[in-house]
C-alpha atoms as a PDB file:
ATOM      1  CA  MET A   1      14.692  20.052 -14.453  1.00  0.00           C
ATOM      2  CA  MET A   2      12.734  16.804 -14.555  1.00  0.00           C
ATOM      3  CA  GLY A   3      11.287  14.590 -12.567  1.00  0.00           C
ATOM      4  CA  LYS A   4      10.843  10.751 -12.635  1.00  0.00           C
ATOM      5  CA  LEU A   5       7.560  10.945 -13.051  1.00  0.00           C
ATOM      6  CA  ASP A   6       6.254  13.982 -15.064  1.00  0.00           C
ATOM      7  CA  ASN A   7       3.268  13.672 -17.143  1.00  0.00           C
ATOM      8  CA  LYS A   8       1.976  10.316 -15.635  1.00  0.00           C
ATOM      9  CA  VAL A   9      -1.137   9.917 -13.395  1.00  0.00           C
ATOM     10  CA  ALA A  10      -1.307   8.231  -9.988  1.00  0.00           C
ATOM     11  CA  CYS A  11      -3.992   6.859  -7.450  1.00  0.00           C
ATOM     12  CA  ILE A  12      -3.649   5.836  -4.540  1.00  0.00           C
ATOM     13  CA  THR A  13      -5.265   3.967  -1.457  1.00  0.00           C
ATOM     14  CA  GLY A  14      -5.377   5.405   1.821  1.00  0.00           C
ATOM     15  CA  GLY A  15      -2.950   7.621   0.543  1.00  0.00           C
ATOM     16  CA  THR A  16      -4.162  11.257   3.143  1.00  0.00           C
ATOM     17  CA  ARG A  17      -1.901   9.432   5.804  1.00  0.00           C
ATOM     18  CA  SER A  18       1.306   7.537   6.343  1.00  0.00           C
ATOM     19  CA  ILE A  19       2.801   5.434   4.130  1.00  0.00           C
ATOM     20  CA  GLY A  20       0.269   6.357   1.481  1.00  0.00           C
ATOM     21  CA  ARG A  21       0.851  10.102   2.314  1.00  0.00           C
ATOM     22  CA  ALA A  22       4.826  10.139   1.988  1.00  0.00           C
ATOM     23  CA  ILE A  23       4.201   7.864  -1.501  1.00  0.00           C
ATOM     24  CA  ALA A  24       1.823  10.893  -2.649  1.00  0.00           C
ATOM     25  CA  GLU A  25       4.486  13.597  -1.472  1.00  0.00           C
ATOM     26  CA  ALA A  26       7.272  12.005  -3.412  1.00  0.00           C
ATOM     27  CA  PHE A  27       5.129  11.408  -6.774  1.00  0.00           C
ATOM     28  CA  LEU A  28       4.310  14.706  -7.047  1.00  0.00           C
ATOM     29  CA  ARG A  29       7.862  15.813  -6.139  1.00  0.00           C
ATOM     30  CA  GLU A  30       8.904  13.684  -8.945  1.00  0.00           C
ATOM     31  CA  GLY A  31       5.831  15.585 -11.540  1.00  0.00           C
ATOM     32  CA  ALA A  32       3.050  13.492 -11.320  1.00  0.00           C
ATOM     33  CA  ARG A  33      -0.903  14.232 -11.094  1.00  0.00           C
ATOM     34  CA  VAL A  34      -2.103  12.188  -8.196  1.00  0.00           C
ATOM     35  CA  VAL A  35      -5.410  11.466  -6.604  1.00  0.00           C
ATOM     36  CA  VAL A  36      -5.350   9.743  -3.524  1.00  0.00           C
ATOM     37  CA  ASN A  37      -7.921   8.005  -1.228  1.00  0.00           C
ATOM     38  CA  GLY A  38      -9.216   8.074   2.139  1.00  0.00           C
ATOM     39  CA  ARG A  39     -12.516   7.581   4.413  1.00  0.00           C
ATOM     40  CA  ASP A  40     -12.904  10.908   5.804  1.00  0.00           C
ATOM     41  CA  ALA A  41     -13.557  13.691   3.698  1.00  0.00           C
ATOM     42  CA  ALA A  42     -12.759  16.803   5.621  1.00  0.00           C
ATOM     43  CA  LYS A  43      -9.767  15.287   7.075  1.00  0.00           C
ATOM     44  CA  GLY A  44      -8.824  14.420   2.979  1.00  0.00           C
ATOM     45  CA  ALA A  45      -9.233  17.967   1.620  1.00  0.00           C
ATOM     46  CA  ALA A  46      -7.162  19.209   4.675  1.00  0.00           C
ATOM     47  CA  SER A  47      -3.971  16.436   3.832  1.00  0.00           C
ATOM     48  CA  VAL A  48      -4.723  17.442   0.132  1.00  0.00           C
ATOM     49  CA  ALA A  49      -3.803  21.133   0.998  1.00  0.00           C
ATOM     50  CA  GLU A  50      -1.371  20.337   3.467  1.00  0.00           C
ATOM     51  CA  MET A  51       0.563  18.657   1.020  1.00  0.00           C
ATOM     52  CA  GLY A  52       0.665  21.771  -1.532  1.00  0.00           C
ATOM     53  CA  GLY A  53       0.046  19.955  -4.984  1.00  0.00           C
ATOM     54  CA  GLY A  54      -2.488  22.330  -6.106  1.00  0.00           C
ATOM     55  CA  ASP A  55      -4.318  21.004  -9.565  1.00  0.00           C
ATOM     56  CA  ASN A  56      -1.739  18.151  -9.536  1.00  0.00           C
ATOM     57  CA  ILE A  57      -3.490  16.486  -6.642  1.00  0.00           C
ATOM     58  CA  ALA A  58      -7.049  15.729  -5.954  1.00  0.00           C
ATOM     59  CA  PHE A  59      -9.050  13.272  -2.886  1.00  0.00           C
ATOM     60  CA  TYR A  60     -11.935  10.981  -3.819  1.00  0.00           C
ATOM     61  CA  PRO A  61     -13.483   9.885  -0.617  1.00  0.00           C
ATOM     62  CA  GLY A  62     -14.545   6.431   0.365  1.00  0.00           C
ATOM     63  CA  ASP A  63     -13.724   2.991   2.581  1.00  0.00           C
ATOM     64  CA  ALA A  64     -10.978   0.914   0.524  1.00  0.00           C
ATOM     65  CA  SER A  65     -12.088  -2.205   2.041  1.00  0.00           C
ATOM     66  CA  LYS A  66     -15.519  -1.399  -0.280  1.00  0.00           C
ATOM     67  CA  GLN A  67     -15.029  -2.894  -3.523  1.00  0.00           C
ATOM     68  CA  ALA A  68     -16.947   0.757  -5.065  1.00  0.00           C
ATOM     69  CA  THR A  69     -14.398   2.632  -3.922  1.00  0.00           C
ATOM     70  CA  VAL A  70     -11.852   1.057  -4.783  1.00  0.00           C
ATOM     71  CA  GLU A  71     -13.408   0.976  -8.822  1.00  0.00           C
ATOM     72  CA  GLY A  72     -14.634   4.222  -7.989  1.00  0.00           C
ATOM     73  CA  LEU A  73     -10.945   5.794  -7.470  1.00  0.00           C
ATOM     74  CA  ILE A  74      -9.393   4.680 -10.682  1.00  0.00           C
ATOM     75  CA  ASP A  75     -12.375   5.643 -12.536  1.00  0.00           C
ATOM     76  CA  PHE A  76     -12.497   9.001 -10.895  1.00  0.00           C
ATOM     77  CA  THR A  77      -8.313   9.450 -11.897  1.00  0.00           C
ATOM     78  CA  ILE A  78      -9.568   8.564 -15.298  1.00  0.00           C
ATOM     79  CA  SER A  79     -11.887  11.176 -15.815  1.00  0.00           C
ATOM     80  CA  HIS A  80     -10.055  13.751 -13.951  1.00  0.00           C
ATOM     81  CA  PHE A  81      -6.414  13.303 -15.323  1.00  0.00           C
ATOM     82  CA  GLY A  82      -7.167  11.600 -18.301  1.00  0.00           C
ATOM     83  CA  GLN A  83      -4.743   8.600 -17.888  1.00  0.00           C
ATOM     84  CA  LEU A  84      -3.639   6.313 -15.275  1.00  0.00           C
ATOM     85  CA  ASP A  85      -0.192   5.234 -14.869  1.00  0.00           C
ATOM     86  CA  ILE A  86       0.360   4.311 -11.693  1.00  0.00           C
ATOM     87  CA  CYS A  87      -1.871   2.377  -9.382  1.00  0.00           C
ATOM     88  CA  CYS A  88      -0.824   2.537  -5.575  1.00  0.00           C
ATOM     89  CA  LEU A  89      -2.448   0.381  -4.142  1.00  0.00           C
ATOM     90  CA  ASN A  90      -1.307   0.993  -0.415  1.00  0.00           C
ATOM     91  CA  SER A  91      -4.532   0.589   1.985  1.00  0.00           C
ATOM     92  CA  GLY A  92      -4.844  -1.683   4.798  1.00  0.00           C
ATOM     93  CA  GLY A  93      -3.310  -2.841   8.274  1.00  0.00           C
ATOM     94  CA  VAL A  94      -3.983  -4.808  11.251  1.00  0.00           C
ATOM     95  CA  LEU A  95      -7.715  -4.654  11.723  1.00  0.00           C
ATOM     96  CA  GLN A  96      -8.318  -7.327  13.987  1.00  0.00           C
ATOM     97  CA  THR A  97      -6.303  -8.972  16.927  1.00  0.00           C
ATOM     98  CA  ALA A  98      -7.496 -13.024  17.502  1.00  0.00           C
ATOM     99  CA  PRO A  99      -5.891 -15.792  17.922  1.00  0.00           C
ATOM    100  CA  VAL A 100      -7.241 -18.340  15.020  1.00  0.00           C
ATOM    101  CA  ALA A 101      -9.619 -20.336  17.702  1.00  0.00           C
ATOM    102  CA  GLN A 102     -11.153 -16.813  18.749  1.00  0.00           C
ATOM    103  CA  MET A 103     -11.495 -14.965  15.467  1.00  0.00           C
ATOM    104  CA  SER A 104     -15.435 -14.539  13.857  1.00  0.00           C
ATOM    105  CA  ASP A 105     -16.612 -14.672  10.894  1.00  0.00           C
ATOM    106  CA  GLU A 106     -17.427 -10.945  10.501  1.00  0.00           C
ATOM    107  CA  GLU A 107     -13.800 -10.082  11.871  1.00  0.00           C
ATOM    108  CA  TRP A 108     -11.895 -12.461   9.376  1.00  0.00           C
ATOM    109  CA  GLN A 109     -14.014 -10.987   6.699  1.00  0.00           C
ATOM    110  CA  LEU A 110     -13.076  -7.636   7.270  1.00  0.00           C
ATOM    111  CA  GLU A 111      -9.390  -8.387   7.449  1.00  0.00           C
ATOM    112  CA  VAL A 112      -9.764  -9.839   3.937  1.00  0.00           C
ATOM    113  CA  ASP A 113     -11.867  -7.592   2.649  1.00  0.00           C
ATOM    114  CA  TRP A 114      -9.402  -4.584   3.079  1.00  0.00           C
ATOM    115  CA  ASN A 115      -6.319  -6.260   2.611  1.00  0.00           C
ATOM    116  CA  LEU A 116      -6.947  -9.032   0.514  1.00  0.00           C
ATOM    117  CA  ASN A 117      -9.822  -7.877  -1.925  1.00  0.00           C
ATOM    118  CA  HIS A 118      -9.114  -4.325  -1.918  1.00  0.00           C
ATOM    119  CA  VAL A 119      -5.872  -5.006  -4.006  1.00  0.00           C
ATOM    120  CA  PHE A 120      -7.431  -7.839  -6.194  1.00  0.00           C
ATOM    121  CA  TRP A 121     -10.377  -5.380  -6.861  1.00  0.00           C
ATOM    122  CA  GLY A 122      -8.044  -1.787  -7.903  1.00  0.00           C
ATOM    123  CA  MET A 123      -5.644  -4.228  -9.821  1.00  0.00           C
ATOM    124  CA  ARG A 124      -8.670  -5.825 -12.104  1.00  0.00           C
ATOM    125  CA  ARG A 125      -9.742  -2.251 -12.841  1.00  0.00           C
ATOM    126  CA  ALA A 126      -6.330  -0.684 -13.195  1.00  0.00           C
ATOM    127  CA  LEU A 127      -5.445  -3.592 -15.656  1.00  0.00           C
ATOM    128  CA  GLN A 128      -8.418  -3.020 -17.396  1.00  0.00           C
ATOM    129  CA  HIS A 129      -7.654   0.217 -18.671  1.00  0.00           C
ATOM    130  CA  MET A 130      -3.775  -0.419 -19.022  1.00  0.00           C
ATOM    131  CA  ILE A 131      -4.083  -3.321 -20.604  1.00  0.00           C
ATOM    132  CA  PRO A 132      -5.236  -1.621 -23.902  1.00  0.00           C
ATOM    133  CA  ARG A 133      -2.528   1.149 -23.972  1.00  0.00           C
ATOM    134  CA  ALA A 134      -0.072  -1.611 -22.905  1.00  0.00           C
ATOM    135  CA  SER A 135       1.256   0.814 -20.290  1.00  0.00           C
ATOM    136  CA  GLY A 136       1.021   0.611 -16.074  1.00  0.00           C
ATOM    137  CA  ARG A 137       2.433   0.366 -13.141  1.00  0.00           C
ATOM    138  CA  ILE A 138       0.841  -1.036 -10.529  1.00  0.00           C
ATOM    139  CA  ILE A 139       2.594  -1.239  -6.475  1.00  0.00           C
ATOM    140  CA  VAL A 140       1.219  -2.877  -3.889  1.00  0.00           C
ATOM    141  CA  THR A 141       2.056  -2.136  -0.247  1.00  0.00           C
ATOM    142  CA  SER A 142       2.079  -5.602   1.607  1.00  0.00           C
ATOM    143  CA  SER A 143       4.173  -6.355   4.426  1.00  0.00           C
ATOM    144  CA  VAL A 144       7.362  -8.717   5.579  1.00  0.00           C
ATOM    145  CA  GLU A 145       4.450 -10.452   7.018  1.00  0.00           C
ATOM    146  CA  GLY A 146       3.176 -12.083   4.117  1.00  0.00           C
ATOM    147  CA  LYS A 147       6.592 -13.425   4.181  1.00  0.00           C
ATOM    148  CA  LEU A 148       6.649 -14.062   7.703  1.00  0.00           C
ATOM    149  CA  GLY A 149       4.113 -14.707  10.288  1.00  0.00           C
ATOM    150  CA  LYS A 150       3.132 -13.760  14.116  1.00  0.00           C
ATOM    151  CA  PRO A 151       0.698 -14.571  16.199  1.00  0.00           C
ATOM    152  CA  GLY A 152      -2.680 -13.301  17.234  1.00  0.00           C
ATOM    153  CA  ILE A 153      -2.810 -11.602  13.642  1.00  0.00           C
ATOM    154  CA  PRO A 154      -3.699 -14.213  11.460  1.00  0.00           C
ATOM    155  CA  GLY A 155      -6.036 -12.471   8.929  1.00  0.00           C
ATOM    156  CA  TYR A 156      -3.684  -9.650   8.432  1.00  0.00           C
ATOM    157  CA  VAL A 157      -0.539 -12.435   8.529  1.00  0.00           C
ATOM    158  CA  ALA A 158      -2.826 -14.954   5.525  1.00  0.00           C
ATOM    159  CA  THR A 159      -4.087 -11.789   3.732  1.00  0.00           C
ATOM    160  CA  LYS A 160      -0.855 -10.529   3.090  1.00  0.00           C
ATOM    161  CA  HIS A 161       0.972 -13.682   2.135  1.00  0.00           C
ATOM    162  CA  ALA A 162      -2.507 -13.410  -0.245  1.00  0.00           C
ATOM    163  CA  VAL A 163      -1.531 -10.627  -1.489  1.00  0.00           C
ATOM    164  CA  ASN A 164       2.292 -11.274  -2.581  1.00  0.00           C
ATOM    165  CA  GLY A 165       0.791 -14.389  -4.764  1.00  0.00           C
ATOM    166  CA  LEU A 166      -1.445 -11.952  -6.283  1.00  0.00           C
ATOM    167  CA  VAL A 167       1.188  -9.461  -7.236  1.00  0.00           C
ATOM    168  CA  LYS A 168       3.554 -12.598  -8.630  1.00  0.00           C
ATOM    169  CA  ALA A 169       0.658 -14.271 -10.618  1.00  0.00           C
ATOM    170  CA  ALA A 170      -0.786 -11.155 -12.394  1.00  0.00           C
ATOM    171  CA  ALA A 171       2.607 -10.000 -12.993  1.00  0.00           C
ATOM    172  CA  GLN A 172       3.193 -13.297 -15.094  1.00  0.00           C
ATOM    173  CA  GLU A 173      -0.467 -12.233 -17.304  1.00  0.00           C
ATOM    174  CA  VAL A 174       0.694  -8.825 -18.063  1.00  0.00           C
ATOM    175  CA  GLY A 175       4.575  -8.916 -18.517  1.00  0.00           C
ATOM    176  CA  THR A 176       4.166  -8.623 -22.223  1.00  0.00           C
ATOM    177  CA  LEU A 177       2.224  -5.742 -22.644  1.00  0.00           C
ATOM    178  CA  GLY A 178       4.481  -3.533 -20.887  1.00  0.00           C
ATOM    179  CA  ILE A 179       2.952  -3.370 -17.852  1.00  0.00           C
ATOM    180  CA  THR A 180       4.984  -4.459 -14.197  1.00  0.00           C
ATOM    181  CA  ILE A 181       3.233  -5.511 -11.047  1.00  0.00           C
ATOM    182  CA  ASN A 182       5.410  -5.198  -7.762  1.00  0.00           C
ATOM    183  CA  ALA A 183       4.733  -5.280  -3.908  1.00  0.00           C
ATOM    184  CA  ILE A 184       6.307  -3.046  -1.226  1.00  0.00           C
ATOM    185  CA  LEU A 185       7.336  -5.212   2.281  1.00  0.00           C
ATOM    186  CA  PRO A 186       7.542  -2.568   4.608  1.00  0.00           C
ATOM    187  CA  GLY A 187       8.927  -3.530   8.120  1.00  0.00           C
ATOM    188  CA  ILE A 188       7.564  -1.633  11.520  1.00  0.00           C
ATOM    189  CA  ILE A 189       7.324   1.863  10.715  1.00  0.00           C
ATOM    190  CA  GLU A 190       5.521   3.823  14.048  1.00  0.00           C
ATOM    191  CA  THR A 191       2.941   5.545  11.692  1.00  0.00           C
ATOM    192  CA  ASP A 192      -0.650   6.818  13.447  1.00  0.00           C
ATOM    193  CA  ILE A 193      -2.084   3.754  12.589  1.00  0.00           C
ATOM    194  CA  VAL A 194       0.500   1.478  14.138  1.00  0.00           C
ATOM    195  CA  ARG A 195       0.025   3.696  17.419  1.00  0.00           C
ATOM    196  CA  ASN A 196      -3.583   3.019  17.219  1.00  0.00           C
ATOM    197  CA  THR A 197      -3.332  -0.721  16.871  1.00  0.00           C
ATOM    198  CA  GLY A 198      -0.486  -1.402  18.246  1.00  0.00           C
ATOM    199  CA  PRO A 199      -0.973  -2.011  22.057  1.00  0.00           C
ATOM    200  CA  ASP A 200      -4.107  -4.438  21.295  1.00  0.00           C
ATOM    201  CA  SER A 201      -1.575  -6.378  18.991  1.00  0.00           C
ATOM    202  CA  ALA A 202       1.075  -6.663  21.179  1.00  0.00           C
ATOM    203  CA  VAL A 203      -1.177  -8.211  23.844  1.00  0.00           C
ATOM    204  CA  ALA A 204      -2.623 -10.515  21.044  1.00  0.00           C
ATOM    205  CA  MET A 205       1.246 -11.360  20.514  1.00  0.00           C
ATOM    206  CA  GLY A 206       1.251 -12.089  23.683  1.00  0.00           C
ATOM    207  CA  LEU A 207       3.510  -8.729  24.794  1.00  0.00           C
ATOM    208  CA  SER A 208       2.831  -6.476  27.509  1.00  0.00           C
ATOM    209  CA  GLY A 209       2.398  -3.569  25.368  1.00  0.00           C
ATOM    210  CA  TYR A 210       3.343  -0.709  22.701  1.00  0.00           C
ATOM    211  CA  ASP A 211       6.501  -0.707  23.451  1.00  0.00           C
ATOM    212  CA  GLU A 212       7.265  -4.159  23.857  1.00  0.00           C
ATOM    213  CA  LEU A 213       5.966  -4.310  20.474  1.00  0.00           C
ATOM    214  CA  ILE A 214       7.869  -2.090  19.094  1.00  0.00           C
ATOM    215  CA  GLY A 215      11.181  -3.569  20.609  1.00  0.00           C
ATOM    216  CA  MET A 216      10.807  -6.821  19.425  1.00  0.00           C
ATOM    217  CA  PHE A 217      10.285  -5.337  15.773  1.00  0.00           C
ATOM    218  CA  THR A 218      13.801  -3.630  16.042  1.00  0.00           C
ATOM    219  CA  ALA A 219      15.733  -5.849  17.531  1.00  0.00           C
ATOM    220  CA  GLU A 220      14.870  -8.418  14.273  1.00  0.00           C
ATOM    221  CA  SER A 221      16.152  -5.879  11.541  1.00  0.00           C
ATOM    222  CA  ALA A 222      19.432  -5.002  10.917  1.00  0.00           C
ATOM    223  CA  ILE A 223      18.910  -0.953  11.876  1.00  0.00           C
ATOM    224  CA  LYS A 224      17.828  -1.594  14.954  1.00  0.00           C
ATOM    225  CA  ARG A 225      15.331   1.240  14.261  1.00  0.00           C
ATOM    226  CA  PRO A 226      12.129   1.374  13.084  1.00  0.00           C
ATOM    227  CA  ASN A 227      11.830   2.057   8.929  1.00  0.00           C
ATOM    228  CA  ARG A 228      10.663   5.450   7.962  1.00  0.00           C
ATOM    229  CA  VAL A 229       7.811   6.074   5.247  1.00  0.00           C
ATOM    230  CA  GLU A 230      10.249   8.349   3.434  1.00  0.00           C
ATOM    231  CA  GLU A 231      12.136   5.263   2.907  1.00  0.00           C
ATOM    232  CA  VAL A 232       9.730   3.240   1.658  1.00  0.00           C
ATOM    233  CA  ALA A 233       8.163   6.193  -0.618  1.00  0.00           C
ATOM    234  CA  ALA A 234      11.281   6.074  -2.181  1.00  0.00           C
ATOM    235  CA  VAL A 235      10.881   2.842  -3.453  1.00  0.00           C
ATOM    236  CA  ALA A 236       7.294   3.301  -4.820  1.00  0.00           C
ATOM    237  CA  VAL A 237       8.796   5.703  -7.185  1.00  0.00           C
ATOM    238  CA  LEU A 238      11.252   3.655  -8.348  1.00  0.00           C
ATOM    239  CA  MET A 239       8.739   1.003  -9.062  1.00  0.00           C
ATOM    240  CA  ALA A 240       6.816   3.596 -10.754  1.00  0.00           C
ATOM    241  CA  SER A 241       9.418   4.773 -12.813  1.00  0.00           C
ATOM    242  CA  ASP A 242      11.120   3.974 -15.887  1.00  0.00           C
ATOM    243  CA  ALA A 243      14.103   2.889 -14.617  1.00  0.00           C
ATOM    244  CA  ALA A 244      12.106  -0.183 -12.922  1.00  0.00           C
ATOM    245  CA  ARG A 245      10.285  -1.310 -16.575  1.00  0.00           C
ATOM    246  CA  ASN A 246      12.346  -4.616 -16.273  1.00  0.00           C
ATOM    247  CA  MET A 247      11.418  -5.447 -12.984  1.00  0.00           C
ATOM    248  CA  THR A 248       7.891  -7.041 -11.880  1.00  0.00           C
ATOM    249  CA  GLY A 249       6.286  -9.766 -10.019  1.00  0.00           C
ATOM    250  CA  CYS A 250       8.920  -8.462  -7.208  1.00  0.00           C
ATOM    251  CA  LEU A 251       8.359  -8.518  -3.376  1.00  0.00           C
ATOM    252  CA  PHE A 252      10.786  -5.533  -2.572  1.00  0.00           C
ATOM    253  CA  PRO A 253      11.610  -5.773   1.440  1.00  0.00           C
ATOM    254  CA  VAL A 254      11.613  -2.400   2.938  1.00  0.00           C
ATOM    255  CA  ASP A 255      12.377  -3.525   6.161  1.00  0.00           C
ATOM    256  CA  GLY A 256      15.981  -2.781   7.631  1.00  0.00           C
ATOM    257  CA  GLY A 257      17.334  -6.464   7.101  1.00  0.00           C
ATOM    258  CA  THR A 258      14.478  -8.061   8.790  1.00  0.00           C
ATOM    259  CA  LEU A 259      14.002 -10.497   6.264  1.00  0.00           C
ATOM    260  CA  PRO A 260      16.638 -13.105   5.799  1.00  0.00           C
ATOM    261  CA  TYR A 261      16.055 -13.189   2.031  1.00  0.00           C
END
């Protein structure tokens, strides 16, 4: 049986765990060859082995908040598999929890580099390869907080708003070239990343702890439960496939009905 992504090559920042890993596994099932990125070389190699993609998956180590890593991932993907069809800029998250009045320049810059600059660097490099071919898909993992906003995580909220604007602007620039650029906006997902940062985020938001944080986000949704990584990955497959060739500059909520529009 043919897969939706047969003969396609994809790269994914932050692709060894959580949402990124679910996307990588979904892409592999649909016939793509995939390069995943992660900070820890040993954990990355183990994750790639667990995904069982054989020669169809490779690992590229590095911190996605660094320009050299993001651009290096794209260049490695092309040298390793010979082409780049899908660039999934997935890495990011809540890195700093502090009110605006208490956030340092260094903390702010970390958020900007990880959540926003990483997307810009990756999008620019991917487009430099895709434009001459007049073909490609760029998929960004944003957040519902790119349309809403919560206290205590201003860097995350601001950068996700900016990412959404970048997606819409860039999509207009390359819309006639067979290249689509879209963002997925997940709601709350109980990943290991959220479990690690959730307690601090809860306190920054004036909540009692992790359980109240999860309860608040799920209460705001229509489905009244956390979202799942597989639900995000399914939308990423659609965005990467030929079925979405007429969808670009879009922000797709995968949030269980959290956003009212």
